[in-house]
Amino acid sequence: MVRQLTDEEIGRQLGDLPDWTREGDAIVATLTAPDFPAAIALVRDAADEAEQMNHHPDIDIRWRTTRWLLTTHDKGGLTQLDIELAHRISDLARNHGITTS
């Protein structure tokens, strides 16, 4: 069963996610790819991970800059699913040579 994380749990786990910050009931990251195809490749690969987890991010893409927002809507805040998906997205970004904006 997925439960909403406490503020302390969120803060501690964000220590392992330097690309991500908290914005209210969500965590966000802005990642800049070397070019547009690399940004799209990140979105494609992250979509595969999200589909496997059945947990889907909000994604905004502007040329080579992607902005990611994670929250668990049906729990009204952040859960371990958000933290896990953030780790997966950050790992994929590094594999694609993508950096934090």
N, C-alpha and C. Protein backbone atom coordinates (compact mmCIF):
# COMPACT_ATOMS: atom_id res chain seq x y z
N MET A 1 0.84 -1.19 0.00
CA MET A 1 0.00 0.00 0.00
C MET A 1 0.89 1.25 0.00
N VAL A 2 0.58 2.17 -0.86
CA VAL A 2 1.32 3.41 -0.98
C VAL A 2 0.74 4.43 -0.01
N ARG A 3 1.64 5.09 0.74
CA ARG A 3 1.19 6.11 1.69
C ARG A 3 1.93 7.41 1.43
N GLN A 4 1.32 8.49 1.84
CA GLN A 4 1.95 9.80 1.70
C GLN A 4 3.15 9.86 2.64
N LEU A 5 4.26 10.42 2.16
CA LEU A 5 5.47 10.57 2.95
C LEU A 5 5.36 11.76 3.90
N THR A 6 6.06 11.68 5.03
CA THR A 6 6.11 12.82 5.95
C THR A 6 7.11 13.85 5.41
N ASP A 7 7.04 15.06 5.95
CA ASP A 7 7.99 16.11 5.56
C ASP A 7 9.43 15.67 5.84
N GLU A 8 9.64 15.01 6.96
CA GLU A 8 10.98 14.54 7.31
C GLU A 8 11.48 13.49 6.30
N GLU A 9 10.63 12.57 5.93
CA GLU A 9 11.01 11.54 4.95
C GLU A 9 11.34 12.17 3.60
N ILE A 10 10.53 13.14 3.20
CA ILE A 10 10.77 13.81 1.92
C ILE A 10 12.11 14.54 1.95
N GLY A 11 12.34 15.31 2.99
CA GLY A 11 13.59 16.05 3.10
C GLY A 11 14.80 15.14 3.08
N ARG A 12 14.75 14.06 3.80
CA ARG A 12 15.86 13.11 3.86
C ARG A 12 16.12 12.49 2.48
N GLN A 13 15.06 12.08 1.80
CA GLN A 13 15.22 11.41 0.51
C GLN A 13 15.63 12.38 -0.59
N LEU A 14 15.24 13.64 -0.49
CA LEU A 14 15.68 14.62 -1.48
C LEU A 14 17.18 14.86 -1.38
N GLY A 15 17.79 14.54 -0.24
CA GLY A 15 19.23 14.64 -0.10
C GLY A 15 19.97 13.75 -1.09
N ASP A 16 19.32 12.68 -1.54
CA ASP A 16 19.91 11.77 -2.53
C ASP A 16 19.49 12.12 -3.95
N LEU A 17 18.74 13.20 -4.11
CA LEU A 17 18.23 13.62 -5.42
C LEU A 17 18.59 15.08 -5.67
N PRO A 18 19.84 15.39 -5.94
CA PRO A 18 20.25 16.79 -6.06
C PRO A 18 19.58 17.55 -7.20
N ASP A 19 19.05 16.85 -8.20
CA ASP A 19 18.39 17.51 -9.32
C ASP A 19 16.96 17.96 -8.98
N TRP A 20 16.44 17.50 -7.84
CA TRP A 20 15.03 17.68 -7.51
C TRP A 20 14.85 18.60 -6.31
N THR A 21 13.76 19.39 -6.36
CA THR A 21 13.38 20.24 -5.24
C THR A 21 11.90 20.06 -4.98
N ARG A 22 11.53 20.42 -3.78
CA ARG A 22 10.12 20.31 -3.41
C ARG A 22 9.39 21.60 -3.74
N GLU A 23 8.20 21.44 -4.31
CA GLU A 23 7.28 22.55 -4.54
C GLU A 23 5.92 22.12 -4.03
N GLY A 24 5.63 22.46 -2.79
CA GLY A 24 4.35 22.07 -2.20
C GLY A 24 4.22 20.57 -2.09
N ASP A 25 3.21 20.01 -2.72
CA ASP A 25 2.94 18.58 -2.67
C ASP A 25 3.59 17.83 -3.83
N ALA A 26 4.64 18.40 -4.43
CA ALA A 26 5.29 17.78 -5.58
C ALA A 26 6.80 17.97 -5.46
N ILE A 27 7.53 17.18 -6.26
CA ILE A 27 8.95 17.43 -6.46
C ILE A 27 9.15 17.72 -7.94
N VAL A 28 10.09 18.62 -8.21
CA VAL A 28 10.31 19.06 -9.58
C VAL A 28 11.80 19.07 -9.91
N ALA A 29 12.08 18.91 -11.20
CA ALA A 29 13.44 19.02 -11.71
C ALA A 29 13.38 19.63 -13.09
N THR A 30 14.36 20.47 -13.39
CA THR A 30 14.52 21.01 -14.74
C THR A 30 15.84 20.47 -15.26
N LEU A 31 15.78 19.74 -16.37
CA LEU A 31 16.93 19.05 -16.94
C LEU A 31 17.15 19.53 -18.36
N THR A 32 18.39 19.90 -18.67
CA THR A 32 18.71 20.45 -19.99
C THR A 32 19.57 19.46 -20.76
N ALA A 33 19.07 19.05 -21.91
CA ALA A 33 19.76 18.10 -22.78
C ALA A 33 20.71 18.84 -23.72
N PRO A 34 21.67 18.13 -24.30
CA PRO A 34 22.57 18.77 -25.25
C PRO A 34 21.85 19.25 -26.52
N ASP A 35 20.73 18.58 -26.86
CA ASP A 35 19.97 18.96 -28.05
C ASP A 35 18.55 18.41 -27.93
N PHE A 36 17.71 18.80 -28.88
CA PHE A 36 16.31 18.38 -28.84
C PHE A 36 16.13 16.86 -28.92
N PRO A 37 16.85 16.15 -29.81
CA PRO A 37 16.69 14.69 -29.85
C PRO A 37 17.04 14.02 -28.52
N ALA A 38 18.05 14.51 -27.81
CA ALA A 38 18.41 13.93 -26.51
C ALA A 38 17.30 14.18 -25.48
N ALA A 39 16.68 15.36 -25.54
CA ALA A 39 15.57 15.65 -24.63
C ALA A 39 14.40 14.70 -24.90
N ILE A 40 14.10 14.48 -26.16
CA ILE A 40 13.01 13.57 -26.52
C ILE A 40 13.35 12.14 -26.12
N ALA A 41 14.62 11.75 -26.27
CA ALA A 41 15.04 10.40 -25.87
C ALA A 41 14.84 10.21 -24.37
N LEU A 42 15.16 11.24 -23.58
CA LEU A 42 14.93 11.15 -22.14
C LEU A 42 13.45 10.97 -21.84
N VAL A 43 12.61 11.76 -22.48
CA VAL A 43 11.17 11.65 -22.26
C VAL A 43 10.68 10.26 -22.65
N ARG A 44 11.14 9.76 -23.78
CA ARG A 44 10.73 8.42 -24.23
C ARG A 44 11.15 7.35 -23.21
N ASP A 45 12.40 7.40 -22.78
CA ASP A 45 12.88 6.40 -21.83
C ASP A 45 12.19 6.52 -20.47
N ALA A 46 11.96 7.75 -20.03
CA ALA A 46 11.25 7.96 -18.77
C ALA A 46 9.80 7.48 -18.88
N ALA A 47 9.21 7.64 -20.05
CA ALA A 47 7.84 7.14 -20.26
C ALA A 47 7.78 5.63 -20.09
N ASP A 48 8.80 4.93 -20.57
CA ASP A 48 8.85 3.48 -20.40
C ASP A 48 8.92 3.11 -18.91
N GLU A 49 9.77 3.81 -18.16
CA GLU A 49 9.88 3.57 -16.71
C GLU A 49 8.56 3.87 -16.01
N ALA A 50 7.97 5.00 -16.35
CA ALA A 50 6.71 5.41 -15.71
C ALA A 50 5.61 4.39 -16.00
N GLU A 51 5.58 3.90 -17.21
CA GLU A 51 4.55 2.92 -17.57
C GLU A 51 4.74 1.63 -16.78
N GLN A 52 5.99 1.20 -16.62
CA GLN A 52 6.27 -0.01 -15.82
C GLN A 52 5.80 0.17 -14.38
N MET A 53 5.97 1.39 -13.86
CA MET A 53 5.57 1.67 -12.48
C MET A 53 4.10 2.03 -12.35
N ASN A 54 3.44 2.28 -13.48
CA ASN A 54 2.07 2.79 -13.48
C ASN A 54 1.98 4.07 -12.64
N HIS A 55 2.99 4.94 -12.88
CA HIS A 55 3.08 6.21 -12.15
C HIS A 55 3.65 7.23 -13.12
N HIS A 56 2.88 8.22 -13.48
CA HIS A 56 3.21 9.06 -14.63
C HIS A 56 3.49 10.51 -14.24
N PRO A 57 4.62 11.05 -14.71
CA PRO A 57 4.99 12.43 -14.38
C PRO A 57 4.28 13.44 -15.26
N ASP A 58 4.23 14.67 -14.78
CA ASP A 58 3.86 15.79 -15.63
C ASP A 58 5.16 16.29 -16.25
N ILE A 59 5.19 16.42 -17.58
CA ILE A 59 6.40 16.79 -18.29
C ILE A 59 6.12 17.99 -19.18
N ASP A 60 7.03 18.97 -19.11
CA ASP A 60 6.99 20.12 -20.01
C ASP A 60 8.31 20.12 -20.75
N ILE A 61 8.25 20.21 -22.08
CA ILE A 61 9.48 20.24 -22.87
C ILE A 61 9.48 21.49 -23.73
N ARG A 62 10.60 22.21 -23.67
CA ARG A 62 10.82 23.43 -24.45
C ARG A 62 12.19 23.29 -25.10
N TRP A 63 12.22 22.98 -26.36
CA TRP A 63 13.44 22.74 -27.12
C TRP A 63 14.25 21.67 -26.42
N ARG A 64 15.32 22.00 -25.73
CA ARG A 64 16.15 20.97 -25.11
C ARG A 64 16.02 20.94 -23.59
N THR A 65 15.10 21.75 -23.05
CA THR A 65 14.88 21.81 -21.61
C THR A 65 13.60 21.08 -21.25
N THR A 66 13.72 20.17 -20.29
CA THR A 66 12.55 19.43 -19.81
C THR A 66 12.32 19.79 -18.34
N ARG A 67 11.05 19.94 -17.99
CA ARG A 67 10.68 20.17 -16.59
C ARG A 67 9.77 19.03 -16.17
N TRP A 68 10.10 18.45 -15.06
CA TRP A 68 9.41 17.26 -14.54
C TRP A 68 8.73 17.60 -13.23
N LEU A 69 7.51 17.16 -13.05
CA LEU A 69 6.78 17.33 -11.80
C LEU A 69 6.22 15.98 -11.41
N LEU A 70 6.51 15.58 -10.18
CA LEU A 70 6.03 14.30 -9.66
C LEU A 70 5.21 14.53 -8.40
N THR A 71 4.06 13.90 -8.35
CA THR A 71 3.22 13.86 -7.16
C THR A 71 2.29 12.66 -7.32
N THR A 72 1.76 12.19 -6.24
CA THR A 72 0.80 11.08 -6.30
C THR A 72 -0.58 11.68 -6.05
N HIS A 73 -1.27 11.99 -7.15
CA HIS A 73 -2.53 12.72 -7.07
C HIS A 73 -3.55 12.03 -6.18
N ASP A 74 -3.68 10.71 -6.29
CA ASP A 74 -4.72 10.02 -5.52
C ASP A 74 -4.39 9.91 -4.04
N LYS A 75 -3.16 10.25 -3.64
CA LYS A 75 -2.78 10.28 -2.22
C LYS A 75 -2.65 11.70 -1.71
N GLY A 76 -2.81 12.69 -2.59
CA GLY A 76 -2.78 14.08 -2.19
C GLY A 76 -1.41 14.59 -1.79
N GLY A 77 -0.35 13.99 -2.32
CA GLY A 77 0.99 14.45 -1.99
C GLY A 77 2.04 13.49 -2.49
N LEU A 78 3.19 13.53 -1.84
CA LEU A 78 4.34 12.73 -2.27
C LEU A 78 4.35 11.36 -1.61
N THR A 79 4.68 10.36 -2.43
CA THR A 79 4.82 8.99 -1.93
C THR A 79 6.16 8.43 -2.40
N GLN A 80 6.46 7.22 -1.98
CA GLN A 80 7.70 6.57 -2.39
C GLN A 80 7.74 6.37 -3.90
N LEU A 81 6.60 6.26 -4.54
CA LEU A 81 6.56 6.15 -6.00
C LEU A 81 7.21 7.37 -6.66
N ASP A 82 6.95 8.55 -6.11
CA ASP A 82 7.54 9.77 -6.67
C ASP A 82 9.06 9.77 -6.50
N ILE A 83 9.51 9.36 -5.34
CA ILE A 83 10.96 9.31 -5.07
C ILE A 83 11.63 8.31 -6.01
N GLU A 84 11.04 7.14 -6.14
CA GLU A 84 11.63 6.11 -7.01
C GLU A 84 11.67 6.56 -8.47
N LEU A 85 10.58 7.16 -8.94
CA LEU A 85 10.57 7.63 -10.32
C LEU A 85 11.58 8.76 -10.52
N ALA A 86 11.73 9.63 -9.55
CA ALA A 86 12.73 10.71 -9.64
C ALA A 86 14.13 10.11 -9.78
N HIS A 87 14.43 9.08 -9.01
CA HIS A 87 15.74 8.41 -9.13
C HIS A 87 15.92 7.85 -10.54
N ARG A 88 14.90 7.21 -11.05
CA ARG A 88 14.99 6.62 -12.39
C ARG A 88 15.19 7.69 -13.46
N ILE A 89 14.46 8.79 -13.36
CA ILE A 89 14.59 9.88 -14.33
C ILE A 89 16.00 10.48 -14.25
N SER A 90 16.50 10.71 -13.04
CA SER A 90 17.84 11.27 -12.89
C SER A 90 18.90 10.34 -13.46
N ASP A 91 18.75 9.04 -13.23
CA ASP A 91 19.70 8.06 -13.79
C ASP A 91 19.66 8.09 -15.31
N LEU A 92 18.47 8.12 -15.87
CA LEU A 92 18.34 8.20 -17.33
C LEU A 92 18.97 9.47 -17.87
N ALA A 93 18.74 10.58 -17.18
CA ALA A 93 19.29 11.86 -17.62
C ALA A 93 20.81 11.78 -17.69
N ARG A 94 21.43 11.24 -16.65
CA ARG A 94 22.89 11.10 -16.65
C ARG A 94 23.34 10.23 -17.81
N ASN A 95 22.62 9.16 -18.10
CA ASN A 95 22.96 8.27 -19.22
C ASN A 95 22.88 8.97 -20.55
N HIS A 96 22.04 10.00 -20.66
CA HIS A 96 21.87 10.75 -21.88
C HIS A 96 22.73 12.01 -21.92
N GLY A 97 23.57 12.21 -20.91
CA GLY A 97 24.42 13.41 -20.88
C GLY A 97 23.65 14.68 -20.58
N ILE A 98 22.57 14.54 -19.85
CA ILE A 98 21.68 15.67 -19.56
C ILE A 98 22.01 16.20 -18.16
N THR A 99 22.01 17.52 -18.02
CA THR A 99 22.38 18.17 -16.79
C THR A 99 21.22 18.94 -16.19
N THR A 100 21.39 19.31 -14.92
CA THR A 100 20.42 20.16 -14.25
C THR A 100 20.54 21.58 -14.77
N SER A 101 19.41 22.23 -14.96
CA SER A 101 19.41 23.65 -15.40
C SER A 101 19.64 24.56 -14.22
